[in-house]
């Protein structure tokens, strides 16, 4: 939960406070690995 919160808070910060329009997620398959 701490990692998920960190990532979501970061994304929202760049979107809301920094006004960016999108993200390209490096090695995104790793982000989808909950177990293996």
ModelCIF file with pLDDT and N, C-alpha, C, O atoms, coordinates in Angstrom:
data_MODEL
#
_entry.id   MODEL 
#
_entity.id                         1 
_entity.type                       polymer 
_entity.pdbx_number_of_molecules   1 
#
_entity_poly.entity_id                      1 
_entity_poly.type                           'polypeptide(L)' 
_entity_poly.nstd_linkage                   no 
_entity_poly.nstd_monomer                   no 
_entity_poly.pdbx_seq_one_letter_code       
;(UNK)(UNK)(UNK)(UNK)(UNK)(UNK)(UNK)(UNK)(UNK)(UNK)(UNK)(UNK)(UNK)(UNK)(UNK)(UNK)
(UNK)(UNK)(UNK)(UNK)(UNK)(UNK)(UNK)(UNK)(UNK)(UNK)(UNK)(UNK)(UNK)(UNK)(UNK)(UNK)
(UNK)(UNK)(UNK)(UNK)
;
_entity_poly.pdbx_seq_one_letter_code_can   XXXXXXXXXXXXXXXXXXXXXXXXXXXXXXXXXXXX 
_entity_poly.pdbx_strand_id                 A 
#
loop_
_entity_poly_seq.entity_id 
_entity_poly_seq.num 
_entity_poly_seq.mon_id 
_entity_poly_seq.hetero 
1 1  UNK n 
1 2  UNK n 
1 3  UNK n 
1 4  UNK n 
1 5  UNK n 
1 6  UNK n 
1 7  UNK n 
1 8  UNK n 
1 9  UNK n 
1 10 UNK n 
1 11 UNK n 
1 12 UNK n 
1 13 UNK n 
1 14 UNK n 
1 15 UNK n 
1 16 UNK n 
1 17 UNK n 
1 18 UNK n 
1 19 UNK n 
1 20 UNK n 
1 21 UNK n 
1 22 UNK n 
1 23 UNK n 
1 24 UNK n 
1 25 UNK n 
1 26 UNK n 
1 27 UNK n 
1 28 UNK n 
1 29 UNK n 
1 30 UNK n 
1 31 UNK n 
1 32 UNK n 
1 33 UNK n 
1 34 UNK n 
1 35 UNK n 
1 36 UNK n 
#
_struct_asym.id          A 
_struct_asym.entity_id   1 
#
loop_
_ma_qa_metric.id 
_ma_qa_metric.mode 
_ma_qa_metric.name 
_ma_qa_metric.software_group_id 
_ma_qa_metric.type 
1 global pLDDT . pLDDT 
2 local  pLDDT . pLDDT 
#
_ma_qa_metric_global.metric_id      1 
_ma_qa_metric_global.metric_value   90.72 
_ma_qa_metric_global.model_id       1 
_ma_qa_metric_global.ordinal_id     1 
#
loop_
_ma_qa_metric_local.label_asym_id 
_ma_qa_metric_local.label_comp_id 
_ma_qa_metric_local.label_seq_id 
_ma_qa_metric_local.metric_id 
_ma_qa_metric_local.metric_value 
_ma_qa_metric_local.model_id 
_ma_qa_metric_local.ordinal_id 
A UNK 1  2 94.00 1 1  
A UNK 2  2 97.00 1 2  
A UNK 3  2 95.00 1 3  
A UNK 4  2 94.00 1 4  
A UNK 5  2 97.00 1 5  
A UNK 6  2 98.00 1 6  
A UNK 7  2 96.00 1 7  
A UNK 8  2 96.00 1 8  
A UNK 9  2 98.00 1 9  
A UNK 10 2 98.00 1 10 
A UNK 11 2 98.00 1 11 
A UNK 12 2 98.00 1 12 
A UNK 13 2 98.00 1 13 
A UNK 14 2 98.00 1 14 
A UNK 15 2 98.00 1 15 
A UNK 16 2 98.00 1 16 
A UNK 17 2 98.00 1 17 
A UNK 18 2 98.00 1 18 
A UNK 19 2 98.00 1 19 
A UNK 20 2 98.00 1 20 
A UNK 21 2 98.00 1 21 
A UNK 22 2 98.00 1 22 
A UNK 23 2 98.00 1 23 
A UNK 24 2 97.00 1 24 
A UNK 25 2 95.00 1 25 
A UNK 26 2 93.00 1 26 
A UNK 27 2 87.00 1 27 
A UNK 28 2 87.00 1 28 
A UNK 29 2 85.00 1 29 
A UNK 30 2 82.00 1 30 
A UNK 31 2 85.00 1 31 
A UNK 32 2 77.00 1 32 
A UNK 33 2 74.00 1 33 
A UNK 34 2 61.00 1 34 
A UNK 35 2 51.00 1 35 
A UNK 36 2 55.00 1 36 
#
loop_
_atom_site.group_PDB 
_atom_site.id 
_atom_site.type_symbol 
_atom_site.label_atom_id 
_atom_site.label_alt_id 
_atom_site.label_comp_id 
_atom_site.label_asym_id 
_atom_site.label_entity_id 
_atom_site.label_seq_id 
_atom_site.pdbx_PDB_ins_code 
_atom_site.Cartn_x 
_atom_site.Cartn_y 
_atom_site.Cartn_z 
_atom_site.occupancy 
_atom_site.B_iso_or_equiv 
_atom_site.pdbx_formal_charge 
_atom_site.auth_seq_id 
_atom_site.auth_comp_id 
_atom_site.auth_asym_id 
_atom_site.auth_atom_id 
_atom_site.pdbx_PDB_model_num 
ATOM 1   N N  . UNK A 1 1  ? 0.811  -1.221  0.000   1.00 94.00 ? 1  UNK A N  1 
ATOM 2   C CA . UNK A 1 1  ? 0.000  0.000   0.000   1.00 94.00 ? 1  UNK A CA 1 
ATOM 3   C C  . UNK A 1 1  ? 0.842  1.267   0.000   1.00 94.00 ? 1  UNK A C  1 
ATOM 4   O O  . UNK A 1 1  ? 0.467  2.262   -0.620  1.00 94.00 ? 1  UNK A O  1 
ATOM 5   N N  . UNK A 1 2  ? 1.988  1.237   0.699   1.00 97.00 ? 2  UNK A N  1 
ATOM 6   C CA . UNK A 1 2  ? 2.845  2.424   0.749   1.00 97.00 ? 2  UNK A CA 1 
ATOM 7   C C  . UNK A 1 2  ? 3.419  2.749   -0.624  1.00 97.00 ? 2  UNK A C  1 
ATOM 8   O O  . UNK A 1 2  ? 3.539  3.918   -0.989  1.00 97.00 ? 2  UNK A O  1 
ATOM 9   N N  . UNK A 1 3  ? 3.777  1.708   -1.391  1.00 95.00 ? 3  UNK A N  1 
ATOM 10  C CA . UNK A 1 3  ? 4.321  1.928   -2.728  1.00 95.00 ? 3  UNK A CA 1 
ATOM 11  C C  . UNK A 1 3  ? 3.239  2.431   -3.680  1.00 95.00 ? 3  UNK A C  1 
ATOM 12  O O  . UNK A 1 3  ? 3.460  3.370   -4.445  1.00 95.00 ? 3  UNK A O  1 
ATOM 13  N N  . UNK A 1 4  ? 2.070  1.799   -3.628  1.00 94.00 ? 4  UNK A N  1 
ATOM 14  C CA . UNK A 1 4  ? 0.975  2.244   -4.488  1.00 94.00 ? 4  UNK A CA 1 
ATOM 15  C C  . UNK A 1 4  ? 0.597  3.691   -4.183  1.00 94.00 ? 4  UNK A C  1 
ATOM 16  O O  . UNK A 1 4  ? 0.342  4.475   -5.097  1.00 94.00 ? 4  UNK A O  1 
ATOM 17  N N  . UNK A 1 5  ? 0.561  4.040   -2.913  1.00 97.00 ? 5  UNK A N  1 
ATOM 18  C CA . UNK A 1 5  ? 0.246  5.418   -2.544  1.00 97.00 ? 5  UNK A CA 1 
ATOM 19  C C  . UNK A 1 5  ? 1.322  6.371   -3.045  1.00 97.00 ? 5  UNK A C  1 
ATOM 20  O O  . UNK A 1 5  ? 1.012  7.451   -3.549  1.00 97.00 ? 5  UNK A O  1 
ATOM 21  N N  . UNK A 1 6  ? 2.580  5.977   -2.909  1.00 98.00 ? 6  UNK A N  1 
ATOM 22  C CA . UNK A 1 6  ? 3.682  6.808   -3.386  1.00 98.00 ? 6  UNK A CA 1 
ATOM 23  C C  . UNK A 1 6  ? 3.542  7.098   -4.876  1.00 98.00 ? 6  UNK A C  1 
ATOM 24  O O  . UNK A 1 6  ? 3.655  8.248   -5.300  1.00 98.00 ? 6  UNK A O  1 
ATOM 25  N N  . UNK A 1 7  ? 3.301  6.071   -5.662  1.00 96.00 ? 7  UNK A N  1 
ATOM 26  C CA . UNK A 1 7  ? 3.204  6.251   -7.107  1.00 96.00 ? 7  UNK A CA 1 
ATOM 27  C C  . UNK A 1 7  ? 1.989  7.083   -7.476  1.00 96.00 ? 7  UNK A C  1 
ATOM 28  O O  . UNK A 1 7  ? 2.084  7.980   -8.314  1.00 96.00 ? 7  UNK A O  1 
ATOM 29  N N  . UNK A 1 8  ? 0.861  6.802   -6.868  1.00 96.00 ? 8  UNK A N  1 
ATOM 30  C CA . UNK A 1 8  ? -0.355 7.548   -7.206  1.00 96.00 ? 8  UNK A CA 1 
ATOM 31  C C  . UNK A 1 8  ? -0.243 9.004   -6.760  1.00 96.00 ? 8  UNK A C  1 
ATOM 32  O O  . UNK A 1 8  ? -0.661 9.903   -7.489  1.00 96.00 ? 8  UNK A O  1 
ATOM 33  N N  . UNK A 1 9  ? 0.310  9.248   -5.587  1.00 98.00 ? 9  UNK A N  1 
ATOM 34  C CA . UNK A 1 9  ? 0.501  10.628  -5.134  1.00 98.00 ? 9  UNK A CA 1 
ATOM 35  C C  . UNK A 1 9  ? 1.445  11.374  -6.067  1.00 98.00 ? 9  UNK A C  1 
ATOM 36  O O  . UNK A 1 9  ? 1.236  12.549  -6.371  1.00 98.00 ? 9  UNK A O  1 
ATOM 37  N N  . UNK A 1 10 ? 2.491  10.677  -6.519  1.00 98.00 ? 10 UNK A N  1 
ATOM 38  C CA . UNK A 1 10 ? 3.440  11.298  -7.432  1.00 98.00 ? 10 UNK A CA 1 
ATOM 39  C C  . UNK A 1 10 ? 2.766  11.652  -8.757  1.00 98.00 ? 10 UNK A C  1 
ATOM 40  O O  . UNK A 1 10 ? 2.913  12.769  -9.252  1.00 98.00 ? 10 UNK A O  1 
ATOM 41  N N  . UNK A 1 11 ? 2.034  10.706  -9.324  1.00 98.00 ? 11 UNK A N  1 
ATOM 42  C CA . UNK A 1 11 ? 1.365  10.964  -10.605 1.00 98.00 ? 11 UNK A CA 1 
ATOM 43  C C  . UNK A 1 11 ? 0.384  12.126  -10.495 1.00 98.00 ? 11 UNK A C  1 
ATOM 44  O O  . UNK A 1 11 ? 0.332  12.995  -11.365 1.00 98.00 ? 11 UNK A O  1 
ATOM 45  N N  . UNK A 1 12 ? -0.384 12.129  -9.423  1.00 98.00 ? 12 UNK A N  1 
ATOM 46  C CA . UNK A 1 12 ? -1.347 13.226  -9.249  1.00 98.00 ? 12 UNK A CA 1 
ATOM 47  C C  . UNK A 1 12 ? -0.632 14.561  -9.072  1.00 98.00 ? 12 UNK A C  1 
ATOM 48  O O  . UNK A 1 12 ? -1.101 15.585  -9.568  1.00 98.00 ? 12 UNK A O  1 
ATOM 49  N N  . UNK A 1 13 ? 0.484  14.557  -8.378  1.00 98.00 ? 13 UNK A N  1 
ATOM 50  C CA . UNK A 1 13 ? 1.238  15.796  -8.188  1.00 98.00 ? 13 UNK A CA 1 
ATOM 51  C C  . UNK A 1 13 ? 1.686  16.368  -9.535  1.00 98.00 ? 13 UNK A C  1 
ATOM 52  O O  . UNK A 1 13 ? 1.517  17.559  -9.798  1.00 98.00 ? 13 UNK A O  1 
ATOM 53  N N  . UNK A 1 14 ? 2.257  15.511  -10.382 1.00 98.00 ? 14 UNK A N  1 
ATOM 54  C CA . UNK A 1 14 ? 2.732  16.001  -11.687 1.00 98.00 ? 14 UNK A CA 1 
ATOM 55  C C  . UNK A 1 14 ? 1.576  16.425  -12.577 1.00 98.00 ? 14 UNK A C  1 
ATOM 56  O O  . UNK A 1 14 ? 1.721  17.337  -13.391 1.00 98.00 ? 14 UNK A O  1 
ATOM 57  N N  . UNK A 1 15 ? 0.437  15.775  -12.431 1.00 98.00 ? 15 UNK A N  1 
ATOM 58  C CA . UNK A 1 15 ? -0.725 16.134  -13.244 1.00 98.00 ? 15 UNK A CA 1 
ATOM 59  C C  . UNK A 1 15 ? -1.400 17.404  -12.743 1.00 98.00 ? 15 UNK A C  1 
ATOM 60  O O  . UNK A 1 15 ? -1.722 18.291  -13.533 1.00 98.00 ? 15 UNK A O  1 
ATOM 61  N N  . UNK A 1 16 ? -1.614 17.492  -11.434 1.00 98.00 ? 16 UNK A N  1 
ATOM 62  C CA . UNK A 1 16 ? -2.407 18.597  -10.875 1.00 98.00 ? 16 UNK A CA 1 
ATOM 63  C C  . UNK A 1 16 ? -1.547 19.827  -10.611 1.00 98.00 ? 16 UNK A C  1 
ATOM 64  O O  . UNK A 1 16 ? -1.920 20.939  -10.986 1.00 98.00 ? 16 UNK A O  1 
ATOM 65  N N  . UNK A 1 17 ? -0.399 19.635  -9.970  1.00 98.00 ? 17 UNK A N  1 
ATOM 66  C CA . UNK A 1 17 ? 0.432  20.778  -9.588  1.00 98.00 ? 17 UNK A CA 1 
ATOM 67  C C  . UNK A 1 17 ? 1.394  21.206  -10.694 1.00 98.00 ? 17 UNK A C  1 
ATOM 68  O O  . UNK A 1 17 ? 1.713  22.390  -10.807 1.00 98.00 ? 17 UNK A O  1 
ATOM 69  N N  . UNK A 1 18 ? 1.855  20.266  -11.506 1.00 98.00 ? 18 UNK A N  1 
ATOM 70  C CA . UNK A 1 18 ? 2.835  20.580  -12.544 1.00 98.00 ? 18 UNK A CA 1 
ATOM 71  C C  . UNK A 1 18 ? 2.224  20.634  -13.941 1.00 98.00 ? 18 UNK A C  1 
ATOM 72  O O  . UNK A 1 18 ? 2.902  21.008  -14.898 1.00 98.00 ? 18 UNK A O  1 
ATOM 73  N N  . UNK A 1 19 ? 0.938  20.261  -14.068 1.00 98.00 ? 19 UNK A N  1 
ATOM 74  C CA . UNK A 1 19 ? 0.148  20.427  -15.294 1.00 98.00 ? 19 UNK A CA 1 
ATOM 75  C C  . UNK A 1 19 ? 0.624  19.585  -16.474 1.00 98.00 ? 19 UNK A C  1 
ATOM 76  O O  . UNK A 1 19 ? 0.378  19.956  -17.622 1.00 98.00 ? 19 UNK A O  1 
ATOM 77  N N  . UNK A 1 20 ? 1.299  18.458  -16.225 1.00 98.00 ? 20 UNK A N  1 
ATOM 78  C CA . UNK A 1 20 ? 1.710  17.637  -17.363 1.00 98.00 ? 20 UNK A CA 1 
ATOM 79  C C  . UNK A 1 20 ? 0.501  16.901  -17.930 1.00 98.00 ? 20 UNK A C  1 
ATOM 80  O O  . UNK A 1 20 ? -0.524 16.754  -17.264 1.00 98.00 ? 20 UNK A O  1 
ATOM 81  N N  . UNK A 1 21 ? 0.641  16.443  -19.172 1.00 98.00 ? 21 UNK A N  1 
ATOM 82  C CA . UNK A 1 21 ? -0.501 15.915  -19.922 1.00 98.00 ? 21 UNK A CA 1 
ATOM 83  C C  . UNK A 1 21 ? -0.533 14.398  -20.022 1.00 98.00 ? 21 UNK A C  1 
ATOM 84  O O  . UNK A 1 21 ? -1.535 13.825  -20.450 1.00 98.00 ? 21 UNK A O  1 
ATOM 85  N N  . UNK A 1 22 ? 0.547  13.748  -19.633 1.00 98.00 ? 22 UNK A N  1 
ATOM 86  C CA . UNK A 1 22 ? 0.558  12.300  -19.735 1.00 98.00 ? 22 UNK A CA 1 
ATOM 87  C C  . UNK A 1 22 ? 1.878  11.727  -19.276 1.00 98.00 ? 22 UNK A C  1 
ATOM 88  O O  . UNK A 1 22 ? 2.816  12.450  -18.942 1.00 98.00 ? 22 UNK A O  1 
ATOM 89  N N  . UNK A 1 23 ? 1.926  10.389  -19.269 1.00 98.00 ? 23 UNK A N  1 
ATOM 90  C CA . UNK A 1 23 ? 3.098  9.685   -18.776 1.00 98.00 ? 23 UNK A CA 1 
ATOM 91  C C  . UNK A 1 23 ? 3.417  8.498   -19.674 1.00 98.00 ? 23 UNK A C  1 
ATOM 92  O O  . UNK A 1 23 ? 2.525  7.826   -20.190 1.00 98.00 ? 23 UNK A O  1 
ATOM 93  N N  . UNK A 1 24 ? 4.703  8.261   -19.844 1.00 97.00 ? 24 UNK A N  1 
ATOM 94  C CA . UNK A 1 24 ? 5.191  7.029   -20.475 1.00 97.00 ? 24 UNK A CA 1 
ATOM 95  C C  . UNK A 1 24 ? 5.899  6.260   -19.371 1.00 97.00 ? 24 UNK A C  1 
ATOM 96  O O  . UNK A 1 24 ? 6.873  6.750   -18.799 1.00 97.00 ? 24 UNK A O  1 
ATOM 97  N N  . UNK A 1 25 ? 5.415  5.049   -19.064 1.00 95.00 ? 25 UNK A N  1 
ATOM 98  C CA . UNK A 1 25 ? 5.893  4.281   -17.923 1.00 95.00 ? 25 UNK A CA 1 
ATOM 99  C C  . UNK A 1 25 ? 7.008  3.332   -18.357 1.00 95.00 ? 25 UNK A C  1 
ATOM 100 O O  . UNK A 1 25 ? 6.775  2.401   -19.127 1.00 95.00 ? 25 UNK A O  1 
ATOM 101 N N  . UNK A 1 26 ? 8.207  3.574   -17.862 1.00 93.00 ? 26 UNK A N  1 
ATOM 102 C CA . UNK A 1 26 ? 9.358  2.746   -18.165 1.00 93.00 ? 26 UNK A CA 1 
ATOM 103 C C  . UNK A 1 26 ? 9.175  1.345   -17.583 1.00 93.00 ? 26 UNK A C  1 
ATOM 104 O O  . UNK A 1 26 ? 8.739  1.190   -16.442 1.00 93.00 ? 26 UNK A O  1 
ATOM 105 N N  . UNK A 1 27 ? 9.517  0.316   -18.386 1.00 87.00 ? 27 UNK A N  1 
ATOM 106 C CA . UNK A 1 27 ? 9.418  -1.080  -17.946 1.00 87.00 ? 27 UNK A CA 1 
ATOM 107 C C  . UNK A 1 27 ? 8.107  -1.325  -17.207 1.00 87.00 ? 27 UNK A C  1 
ATOM 108 O O  . UNK A 1 27 ? 8.090  -1.807  -16.074 1.00 87.00 ? 27 UNK A O  1 
ATOM 109 N N  . UNK A 1 28 ? 7.013  -0.982  -17.875 1.00 87.00 ? 28 UNK A N  1 
ATOM 110 C CA . UNK A 1 28 ? 5.715  -0.984  -17.201 1.00 87.00 ? 28 UNK A CA 1 
ATOM 111 C C  . UNK A 1 28 ? 5.260  -2.374  -16.781 1.00 87.00 ? 28 UNK A C  1 
ATOM 112 O O  . UNK A 1 28 ? 4.413  -2.492  -15.897 1.00 87.00 ? 28 UNK A O  1 
ATOM 113 N N  . UNK A 1 29 ? 5.788  -3.413  -17.378 1.00 85.00 ? 29 UNK A N  1 
ATOM 114 C CA . UNK A 1 29 ? 5.384  -4.761  -16.961 1.00 85.00 ? 29 UNK A CA 1 
ATOM 115 C C  . UNK A 1 29 ? 5.707  -5.001  -15.488 1.00 85.00 ? 29 UNK A C  1 
ATOM 116 O O  . UNK A 1 29 ? 4.980  -5.716  -14.799 1.00 85.00 ? 29 UNK A O  1 
ATOM 117 N N  . UNK A 1 30 ? 6.793  -4.406  -15.009 1.00 82.00 ? 30 UNK A N  1 
ATOM 118 C CA . UNK A 1 30 ? 7.154  -4.564  -13.597 1.00 82.00 ? 30 UNK A CA 1 
ATOM 119 C C  . UNK A 1 30 ? 6.070  -3.980  -12.696 1.00 82.00 ? 30 UNK A C  1 
ATOM 120 O O  . UNK A 1 30 ? 5.805  -4.507  -11.616 1.00 82.00 ? 30 UNK A O  1 
ATOM 121 N N  . UNK A 1 31 ? 5.445  -2.891  -13.142 1.00 85.00 ? 31 UNK A N  1 
ATOM 122 C CA . UNK A 1 31 ? 4.406  -2.264  -12.326 1.00 85.00 ? 31 UNK A CA 1 
ATOM 123 C C  . UNK A 1 31 ? 3.174  -3.147  -12.211 1.00 85.00 ? 31 UNK A C  1 
ATOM 124 O O  . UNK A 1 31 ? 2.373  -2.983  -11.290 1.00 85.00 ? 31 UNK A O  1 
ATOM 125 N N  . UNK A 1 32 ? 3.019  -4.084  -13.141 1.00 77.00 ? 32 UNK A N  1 
ATOM 126 C CA . UNK A 1 32 ? 1.848  -4.959  -13.128 1.00 77.00 ? 32 UNK A CA 1 
ATOM 127 C C  . UNK A 1 32 ? 2.113  -6.268  -12.398 1.00 77.00 ? 32 UNK A C  1 
ATOM 128 O O  . UNK A 1 32 ? 1.241  -7.135  -12.349 1.00 77.00 ? 32 UNK A O  1 
ATOM 129 N N  . UNK A 1 33 ? 3.305  -6.422  -11.832 1.00 74.00 ? 33 UNK A N  1 
ATOM 130 C CA . UNK A 1 33 ? 3.642  -7.670  -11.136 1.00 74.00 ? 33 UNK A CA 1 
ATOM 131 C C  . UNK A 1 33 ? 3.299  -7.541  -9.655  1.00 74.00 ? 33 UNK A C  1 
ATOM 132 O O  . UNK A 1 33 ? 4.029  -6.903  -8.896  1.00 74.00 ? 33 UNK A O  1 
ATOM 133 N N  . UNK A 1 34 ? 2.185  -8.149  -9.248  1.00 61.00 ? 34 UNK A N  1 
ATOM 134 C CA . UNK A 1 34 ? 1.859  -8.166  -7.828  1.00 61.00 ? 34 UNK A CA 1 
ATOM 135 C C  . UNK A 1 34 ? 2.565  -9.328  -7.133  1.00 61.00 ? 34 UNK A C  1 
ATOM 136 O O  . UNK A 1 34 ? 3.050  -9.188  -6.010  1.00 61.00 ? 34 UNK A O  1 
ATOM 137 N N  . UNK A 1 35 ? 2.618  -10.453 -7.797  1.00 51.00 ? 35 UNK A N  1 
ATOM 138 C CA . UNK A 1 35 ? 3.357  -11.586 -7.245  1.00 51.00 ? 35 UNK A CA 1 
ATOM 139 C C  . UNK A 1 35 ? 4.499  -11.926 -8.192  1.00 51.00 ? 35 UNK A C  1 
ATOM 140 O O  . UNK A 1 35 ? 5.618  -11.450 -8.002  1.00 51.00 ? 35 UNK A O  1 
ATOM 141 N N  . UNK A 1 36 ? 4.236  -12.736 -9.200  1.00 55.00 ? 36 UNK A N  1 
ATOM 142 C CA . UNK A 1 36 ? 5.294  -13.101 -10.145 1.00 55.00 ? 36 UNK A CA 1 
ATOM 143 C C  . UNK A 1 36 ? 4.910  -12.717 -11.564 1.00 55.00 ? 36 UNK A C  1 
ATOM 144 O O  . UNK A 1 36 ? 5.681  -12.947 -12.496 1.00 55.00 ? 36 UNK A O  1 
#
